[in-house]
Amino acid sequence: MHVIIAGGGIGGMAAALALLQHGHDVDVYEQASQLREVGAGIQISPNGNRVLDALGVFDELAAVSCDPDRKEFRLWSTGETWPLFDLGPVVVAKYGYPYLTVYRPDLLSALEGAVRRLKPDAVHLGARASSFRQDDAGAVLVLEDGREQRGDVLVGADGWRSVVRDGLWGDVRPEFSGMVAWRGLIPMADLPEHLQVNLGWTWIGPGSHAVNYPLHGGEYMNFVATIEGKDWPHEAGSVQGDVEECLADFAGWHEDVHTFIRRSPQLLKWALVRRDPIPQWSRGRVTLLGDACHATLPFLAQGAVHSLEDGLVLARALTAYDDPASALQRYEAARIERTSRMVRGATANTDRFHSRELASPETAYAYLEREWSVEPVADRYDWLYSYDAATAPV
């Protein structure tokens, strides 16, 4: 089949690679003038690395990423530490793949390079989608400059503001959640020695939380701090942030958090969006993938990982079934329950990370034991990490 993909981000590029490897022809239309990723850091759990291995880029990515020793909670005010779960060899022994922390441009570069090796002219930049139409024989993506691109199938991998999704179902885009994320990328050498660690820390407190972990072979420390109760008057999804505003948002937090804020060469301020999962992705020869159909809060670290899974399952479905419309229905059926559960789980973690019981150490101890001991953590994460997109039924 000839598959047209709107959107050249992580999900769109993973789908393109999987489809090419399964013998299909692919063209990717990306609105940006160059392929780039912002946001700096991303966590790739074992289920995501299983996909990357199936796509043939795992070793390349692992060589430039980080394999943290463990993830830990730290209390917002005192810095006291609680274990979340061990990583490294423990995760590999349990799931067969590591839990990597990855520099987003490294991931996109690995996927793009593999796509171009299979089809050098597969990626078309400066090509913004404006609409589409379909008939019994195929689908046509209409670009903003008036060009039309026809294929047997159209995949909307064009993010949470998806043109393809809105063309299918009307305006069902996610809405601002009331939360803002501050993101910084800090050269590891610029941090005090006690913060140059191969660990993932999740700082939890009432109404806010922060996350830090190493990237790019330990060259950088990724820092993200999320706070409730903000407004967002901007049209763009992210804007340049102000250090003093960020420090004020996290007033009273541990000095290590303030060090991350002050040592960030720049802070970007991002709007976090959310919506309930949409009930249907596919119509005829058109379907959705990634944030276009399951935009999520980042509190399970699964948004990009599930886009990778989508891409591989989509390629398998289009290979297994001759009729494109039937194949897209099979793809949707294979993915929609899992991704919807992920979206709801990420939303539920908002309260877990921001509980008012974390206001003082006295109430925090009982809260962490109840919500984050071994059994509830296993319930929340095992079903995510054990999934195999290469063998899941389609």
Protein backbone atom coordinates (compact mmCIF):
# COMPACT_ATOMS: atom_id res chain seq x y z
CA MET A 1 0.00 0.00 0.00
CA HIS A 2 0.96 3.65 -0.38
CA VAL A 3 0.49 5.33 3.00
CA ILE A 4 0.41 9.11 3.46
CA ILE A 5 1.37 10.32 6.95
CA ALA A 6 0.57 13.84 8.15
CA GLY A 7 3.18 14.69 10.79
CA GLY A 8 6.86 13.84 11.07
CA GLY A 9 7.28 13.69 14.84
CA ILE A 10 8.24 10.62 16.82
CA GLY A 11 4.97 8.75 16.16
CA GLY A 12 4.76 9.61 12.49
CA MET A 13 8.38 8.68 11.87
CA ALA A 14 8.06 5.40 13.77
CA ALA A 15 4.99 4.51 11.70
CA ALA A 16 6.84 5.39 8.49
CA LEU A 17 9.78 3.18 9.45
CA ALA A 18 7.57 0.24 10.44
CA LEU A 19 5.53 0.52 7.24
CA LEU A 20 8.62 0.66 5.02
CA GLN A 21 10.07 -2.36 6.80
CA HIS A 22 6.81 -4.23 6.15
CA GLY A 23 7.07 -3.53 2.42
CA HIS A 24 4.71 -0.58 2.04
CA ASP A 25 5.42 2.74 0.33
CA VAL A 26 5.30 5.81 2.59
CA ASP A 27 5.39 9.59 2.27
CA VAL A 28 5.55 11.80 5.37
CA TYR A 29 4.38 15.41 5.21
CA GLU A 30 5.71 17.61 8.02
CA GLN A 31 4.81 21.26 8.52
CA ALA A 32 8.20 22.30 9.94
CA SER A 33 11.00 23.43 7.67
CA GLN A 34 13.39 21.09 9.47
CA LEU A 35 12.90 18.04 11.64
CA ARG A 36 13.61 18.92 15.23
CA GLU A 37 12.35 18.05 18.68
CA VAL A 38 11.93 20.38 21.62
CA GLY A 39 11.22 19.54 25.23
CA ALA A 40 14.64 17.96 25.68
CA GLY A 41 14.03 14.76 27.65
CA ILE A 42 11.87 11.69 27.27
CA GLN A 43 11.61 8.43 29.21
CA ILE A 44 11.47 5.23 27.17
CA SER A 45 10.22 2.33 29.27
CA PRO A 46 10.83 -1.33 28.33
CA ASN A 47 7.71 -1.53 26.13
CA GLY A 48 9.01 1.37 24.06
CA ASN A 49 12.50 -0.06 23.77
CA ARG A 50 10.96 -3.34 22.64
CA VAL A 51 9.44 -1.41 19.71
CA LEU A 52 12.71 0.38 18.95
CA ASP A 53 14.48 -2.97 18.83
CA ALA A 54 11.87 -4.33 16.41
CA LEU A 55 12.47 -1.21 14.28
CA GLY A 56 16.23 -1.77 14.34
CA VAL A 57 17.25 1.46 16.09
CA PHE A 58 17.48 0.38 19.74
CA ASP A 59 21.24 -0.18 19.84
CA GLU A 60 21.94 3.16 18.15
CA LEU A 61 19.75 5.00 20.61
CA ALA A 62 20.93 3.14 23.71
CA ALA A 63 24.53 4.09 22.90
CA VAL A 64 23.77 7.81 23.30
CA SER A 65 21.15 7.59 26.07
CA CYS A 66 21.20 6.93 29.82
CA ASP A 67 20.26 3.83 31.79
CA PRO A 68 19.52 5.15 35.30
CA ASP A 69 20.15 2.99 38.34
CA ARG A 70 16.71 3.63 39.84
CA LYS A 71 13.84 6.09 40.23
CA GLU A 72 13.20 7.73 43.57
CA PHE A 73 10.69 10.06 45.15
CA ARG A 74 11.94 13.12 47.01
CA LEU A 75 9.74 15.17 49.30
CA TRP A 76 9.36 18.73 48.06
CA SER A 77 10.39 20.49 51.28
CA THR A 78 12.95 18.26 53.01
CA GLY A 79 14.39 16.36 50.06
CA GLU A 80 13.86 13.10 51.92
CA THR A 81 14.08 10.12 49.55
CA TRP A 82 11.81 7.09 49.04
CA PRO A 83 12.41 4.32 46.48
CA LEU A 84 10.00 4.12 43.54
CA PHE A 85 11.53 1.23 41.59
CA ASP A 86 14.93 -0.10 40.64
CA LEU A 87 16.02 0.22 37.04
CA GLY A 88 19.17 -1.02 35.32
CA PRO A 89 19.64 -4.81 35.41
CA VAL A 90 16.51 -5.28 37.56
CA VAL A 91 14.21 -3.98 34.80
CA VAL A 92 16.07 -5.89 32.08
CA ALA A 93 15.72 -9.12 34.05
CA LYS A 94 11.98 -8.56 34.50
CA TYR A 95 10.96 -7.15 31.10
CA GLY A 96 13.83 -7.97 28.75
CA TYR A 97 14.65 -4.33 27.98
CA PRO A 98 15.98 -1.38 29.98
CA TYR A 99 14.31 1.84 31.04
CA LEU A 100 16.20 4.58 29.19
CA THR A 101 16.19 8.33 29.55
CA VAL A 102 16.60 9.80 26.09
CA TYR A 103 17.38 13.14 24.50
CA ARG A 104 14.40 13.69 22.20
CA PRO A 105 16.46 14.86 19.20
CA ASP A 106 18.50 11.63 19.43
CA LEU A 107 15.32 9.55 19.14
CA LEU A 108 13.90 11.51 16.22
CA SER A 109 17.27 11.46 14.45
CA ALA A 110 17.56 7.67 14.79
CA LEU A 111 14.07 7.12 13.38
CA GLU A 112 14.51 9.64 10.56
CA GLY A 113 17.88 8.17 9.57
CA ALA A 114 16.41 4.68 9.35
CA VAL A 115 13.49 5.94 7.25
CA ARG A 116 15.79 7.76 4.83
CA ARG A 117 18.01 4.70 4.45
CA LEU A 118 14.97 2.78 3.19
CA LYS A 119 13.48 5.63 1.16
CA PRO A 120 15.68 8.75 0.84
CA ASP A 121 12.86 11.01 -0.35
CA ALA A 122 10.16 9.81 2.06
CA VAL A 123 10.08 12.96 4.21
CA HIS A 124 8.63 16.20 2.83
CA LEU A 125 9.27 19.33 4.94
CA GLY A 126 7.44 22.63 4.88
CA ALA A 127 4.25 20.73 4.08
CA ARG A 128 1.44 21.79 6.42
CA ALA A 129 -1.81 19.81 6.25
CA SER A 130 -4.98 21.85 5.79
CA SER A 131 -7.65 19.24 5.02
CA PHE A 132 -8.28 15.86 3.44
CA ARG A 133 -10.88 13.91 1.53
CA GLN A 134 -11.37 10.26 0.73
CA ASP A 135 -13.25 7.91 -1.57
CA ASP A 136 -13.52 4.17 -2.03
CA ALA A 137 -10.12 4.01 -3.75
CA GLY A 138 -7.98 6.10 -1.41
CA ALA A 139 -7.44 9.32 0.52
CA VAL A 140 -6.06 12.74 -0.44
CA LEU A 141 -4.13 15.01 1.92
CA VAL A 142 -4.54 18.66 0.95
CA LEU A 143 -1.61 20.88 1.95
CA GLU A 144 -1.84 24.52 2.92
CA ASP A 145 -0.10 25.59 -0.31
CA GLY A 146 -2.75 23.82 -2.39
CA ARG A 147 -0.79 20.70 -3.30
CA GLU A 148 -2.65 17.39 -3.03
CA GLN A 149 -1.08 14.06 -2.12
CA ARG A 150 -2.97 10.84 -2.75
CA GLY A 151 -2.44 7.46 -1.14
CA ASP A 152 -4.27 4.26 -0.32
CA VAL A 153 -4.38 5.27 3.37
CA LEU A 154 -3.99 8.55 5.30
CA VAL A 155 -2.62 8.58 8.85
CA GLY A 156 -3.05 11.69 11.01
CA ALA A 157 0.05 11.81 13.21
CA ASP A 158 -0.20 15.58 13.44
CA GLY A 159 -0.32 16.07 17.20
CA TRP A 160 -2.90 17.28 19.68
CA ARG A 161 -4.00 20.08 17.32
CA SER A 162 -4.60 17.50 14.59
CA VAL A 163 -6.15 18.70 11.34
CA VAL A 164 -6.93 15.11 10.37
CA ARG A 165 -8.70 14.33 13.65
CA ASP A 166 -10.82 17.47 13.48
CA GLY A 167 -11.69 16.64 9.87
CA LEU A 168 -12.93 13.22 10.99
CA TRP A 169 -14.79 14.09 14.18
CA GLY A 170 -15.09 17.87 14.45
CA ASP A 171 -13.22 19.98 16.99
CA VAL A 172 -12.41 17.55 19.79
CA ARG A 173 -8.97 18.92 20.56
CA PRO A 174 -7.68 18.73 24.13
CA GLU A 175 -8.08 21.72 26.42
CA PHE A 176 -5.65 23.49 28.73
CA SER A 177 -5.49 21.56 32.00
CA GLY A 178 -4.70 24.46 34.31
CA MET A 179 -1.17 23.09 34.70
CA VAL A 180 2.06 24.53 33.35
CA ALA A 181 5.35 22.67 32.98
CA TRP A 182 8.69 24.46 33.27
CA ARG A 183 11.39 22.67 31.25
CA GLY A 184 15.13 23.12 31.45
CA LEU A 185 18.15 21.30 30.03
CA ILE A 186 21.22 21.71 32.23
CA PRO A 187 24.80 20.77 31.32
CA MET A 188 25.71 18.16 33.93
CA ALA A 189 29.09 19.83 34.55
CA ASP A 190 27.28 23.01 35.66
CA LEU A 191 25.59 21.23 38.58
CA PRO A 192 27.03 20.66 42.06
CA GLU A 193 28.64 17.25 42.43
CA HIS A 194 25.84 15.86 44.61
CA LEU A 195 23.35 16.50 41.78
CA GLN A 196 25.43 14.79 39.07
CA VAL A 197 23.65 11.48 39.55
CA ASN A 198 22.55 8.61 37.31
CA LEU A 199 19.12 8.58 38.95
CA GLY A 200 15.61 9.69 38.14
CA TRP A 201 14.09 11.84 40.87
CA THR A 202 10.40 12.76 41.15
CA TRP A 203 9.92 15.59 43.62
CA ILE A 204 6.35 15.50 44.95
CA GLY A 205 4.45 18.17 46.84
CA PRO A 206 0.99 19.68 47.33
CA GLY A 207 -0.19 21.05 44.00
CA SER A 208 3.12 20.62 42.20
CA HIS A 209 5.85 18.16 41.30
CA ALA A 210 9.21 18.15 39.52
CA VAL A 211 11.21 15.51 37.69
CA ASN A 212 14.90 15.29 36.81
CA TYR A 213 16.96 12.62 35.05
CA PRO A 214 20.20 12.40 33.00
CA LEU A 215 20.33 12.55 29.19
CA HIS A 216 22.67 12.11 26.24
CA GLY A 217 25.21 9.83 27.91
CA GLY A 218 25.14 11.92 31.08
CA GLU A 219 26.02 15.17 29.32
CA TYR A 220 22.80 16.86 30.45
CA MET A 221 20.31 16.80 33.29
CA ASN A 222 16.70 17.15 32.19
CA PHE A 223 14.48 19.13 34.55
CA VAL A 224 10.67 19.51 34.37
CA ALA A 225 8.58 21.20 37.07
CA THR A 226 4.77 21.16 36.90
CA ILE A 227 2.40 23.40 38.86
CA GLU A 228 -1.38 23.61 39.08
CA GLY A 229 -3.56 26.70 39.11
CA LYS A 230 -1.97 28.63 36.24
CA ASP A 231 -3.59 30.36 33.28
CA TRP A 232 -2.44 30.28 29.66
CA PRO A 233 -3.14 33.40 27.60
CA HIS A 234 -0.79 32.38 24.79
CA GLU A 235 -1.71 30.95 21.39
CA ALA A 236 1.50 28.92 21.23
CA GLY A 237 1.87 25.71 23.24
CA SER A 238 5.15 26.92 24.76
CA VAL A 239 6.81 30.25 25.48
CA GLN A 240 10.09 31.45 26.89
CA GLY A 241 9.98 31.27 30.68
CA ASP A 242 11.28 33.55 33.42
CA VAL A 243 13.55 32.19 36.16
CA GLU A 244 12.09 34.43 38.85
CA GLU A 245 8.53 33.35 38.05
CA CYS A 246 9.56 29.71 38.21
CA LEU A 247 11.34 30.23 41.54
CA ALA A 248 8.21 31.94 42.86
CA ASP A 249 6.05 29.01 41.69
CA PHE A 250 8.28 26.69 43.74
CA ALA A 251 8.88 28.92 46.75
CA GLY A 252 9.64 26.88 49.86
CA TRP A 253 10.84 23.87 47.87
CA HIS A 254 14.16 22.19 48.59
CA GLU A 255 17.30 24.04 47.58
CA ASP A 256 18.19 21.31 45.07
CA VAL A 257 15.05 22.17 43.09
CA HIS A 258 16.01 25.84 43.13
CA THR A 259 19.49 24.89 41.94
CA PHE A 260 18.01 23.09 38.93
CA ILE A 261 15.93 26.17 38.14
CA ARG A 262 18.82 28.63 38.49
CA ARG A 263 21.31 26.50 36.57
CA SER A 264 19.02 25.99 33.56
CA PRO A 265 20.49 28.05 30.69
CA GLN A 266 16.91 28.72 29.60
CA LEU A 267 13.48 27.72 30.84
CA LEU A 268 10.61 27.00 28.49
CA LYS A 269 7.08 27.26 29.84
CA TRP A 270 4.64 24.70 28.39
CA ALA A 271 0.86 24.43 28.58
CA LEU A 272 -0.27 20.93 29.56
CA VAL A 273 -3.45 19.81 27.79
CA ARG A 274 -5.81 16.93 28.36
CA ARG A 275 -9.13 15.44 27.32
CA ASP A 276 -10.97 12.19 27.79
CA PRO A 277 -10.02 9.56 25.19
CA ILE A 278 -11.97 9.89 21.96
CA PRO A 279 -14.13 6.81 21.21
CA GLN A 280 -13.14 6.28 17.58
CA TRP A 281 -9.99 6.85 15.50
CA SER A 282 -10.71 5.49 12.02
CA ARG A 283 -13.18 6.18 9.24
CA GLY A 284 -12.78 4.49 5.86
CA ARG A 285 -9.17 4.85 4.74
CA VAL A 286 -8.20 7.49 7.31
CA THR A 287 -6.96 6.92 10.86
CA LEU A 288 -5.08 8.63 13.69
CA LEU A 289 -1.94 7.94 15.67
CA GLY A 290 -0.23 9.28 18.79
CA ASP A 291 -1.25 12.60 20.33
CA ALA A 292 -3.81 13.13 17.58
CA CYS A 293 -5.98 10.42 19.15
CA HIS A 294 -4.68 9.93 22.70
CA ALA A 295 -3.10 13.18 23.90
CA THR A 296 -2.11 12.64 27.51
CA LEU A 297 -0.69 14.36 30.51
CA PRO A 298 2.96 13.28 30.89
CA PHE A 299 2.53 11.67 34.32
CA LEU A 300 3.00 8.04 33.23
CA ALA A 301 5.86 8.86 30.83
CA GLN A 302 4.02 6.96 28.08
CA GLY A 303 2.88 9.53 25.50
CA ALA A 304 5.73 9.05 23.02
CA VAL A 305 6.11 5.37 23.92
CA HIS A 306 2.50 4.66 22.97
CA SER A 307 3.02 6.53 19.71
CA LEU A 308 5.89 4.14 18.95
CA GLU A 309 3.60 1.21 19.73
CA ASP A 310 0.88 2.66 17.49
CA GLY A 311 3.28 2.85 14.55
CA LEU A 312 4.33 -0.78 14.75
CA VAL A 313 0.81 -2.13 15.28
CA LEU A 314 -0.49 -0.02 12.39
CA ALA A 315 2.13 -1.49 10.04
CA ARG A 316 1.30 -5.02 11.17
CA ALA A 317 -2.43 -4.48 10.61
CA LEU A 318 -1.97 -3.02 7.13
CA THR A 319 0.22 -6.00 6.27
CA ALA A 320 -2.14 -8.62 7.69
CA TYR A 321 -5.35 -7.43 5.97
CA ASP A 322 -5.78 -6.69 2.27
CA ASP A 323 -8.67 -4.26 2.68
CA PRO A 324 -7.31 -0.94 4.03
CA ALA A 325 -10.50 0.08 5.83
CA SER A 326 -10.69 -3.29 7.60
CA ALA A 327 -7.00 -3.07 8.51
CA LEU A 328 -7.48 0.35 10.09
CA GLN A 329 -10.40 -0.94 12.14
CA ARG A 330 -8.22 -3.82 13.34
CA TYR A 331 -5.44 -1.38 14.26
CA GLU A 332 -7.86 0.79 16.20
CA ALA A 333 -9.37 -2.18 18.01
CA ALA A 334 -5.90 -3.39 18.98
CA ARG A 335 -4.85 -0.03 20.43
CA ILE A 336 -7.77 2.02 21.69
CA GLU A 337 -8.43 0.28 25.01
CA ARG A 338 -4.76 0.27 25.99
CA THR A 339 -4.15 3.91 25.09
CA SER A 340 -7.37 5.04 26.78
CA ARG A 341 -6.31 3.27 29.97
CA MET A 342 -2.94 5.00 29.72
CA VAL A 343 -4.54 8.45 29.36
CA ARG A 344 -6.77 7.87 32.37
CA GLY A 345 -3.85 6.53 34.41
CA ALA A 346 -1.76 9.60 33.66
CA THR A 347 -4.62 11.83 34.77
CA ALA A 348 -4.99 9.84 37.99
CA ASN A 349 -1.29 10.30 38.72
CA THR A 350 -1.83 14.06 38.84
CA ASP A 351 -3.52 13.68 42.21
CA ARG A 352 -0.93 11.15 43.35
CA PHE A 353 1.96 13.49 42.60
CA HIS A 354 0.17 16.60 43.93
CA SER A 355 -1.68 15.28 46.99
CA ARG A 356 -2.33 17.71 49.83
CA GLU A 357 -1.19 14.91 52.15
CA LEU A 358 2.34 15.71 51.00
CA ALA A 359 2.27 19.08 52.73
CA SER A 360 4.16 17.77 55.78
CA PRO A 361 6.48 14.81 56.42
CA GLU A 362 4.08 13.45 59.05
CA THR A 363 1.23 12.92 56.60
CA ALA A 364 3.52 12.19 53.63
CA TYR A 365 4.90 8.97 55.15
CA ALA A 366 1.50 7.30 55.43
CA TYR A 367 0.50 8.58 51.99
CA LEU A 368 3.57 7.18 50.26
CA GLU A 369 3.14 3.82 51.97
CA ARG A 370 -0.50 3.64 50.86
CA GLU A 371 -0.12 4.89 47.28
CA TRP A 372 3.46 4.05 46.29
CA SER A 373 4.44 0.81 47.96
CA VAL A 374 5.36 -2.26 45.90
CA GLU A 375 1.86 -3.59 45.22
CA PRO A 376 0.14 -0.41 43.93
CA VAL A 377 3.21 0.47 41.84
CA ALA A 378 3.12 -2.98 40.22
CA ASP A 379 -0.60 -2.58 39.46
CA ARG A 380 0.07 0.76 37.78
CA TYR A 381 3.12 -0.12 35.70
CA ASP A 382 3.45 -3.87 34.98
CA TRP A 383 0.68 -3.89 32.37
CA LEU A 384 2.42 -1.02 30.58
CA TYR A 385 5.94 -2.41 30.54
CA SER A 386 5.15 -6.03 29.68
CA TYR A 387 3.25 -5.23 26.43
CA ASP A 388 4.80 -6.29 23.13
CA ALA A 389 3.59 -4.32 20.10
CA ALA A 390 5.34 -6.80 17.79
CA THR A 391 3.19 -9.74 18.90
CA ALA A 392 -0.04 -8.23 20.32
CA PRO A 393 -3.08 -9.56 18.44
CA VAL A 394 -4.31 -7.52 15.48
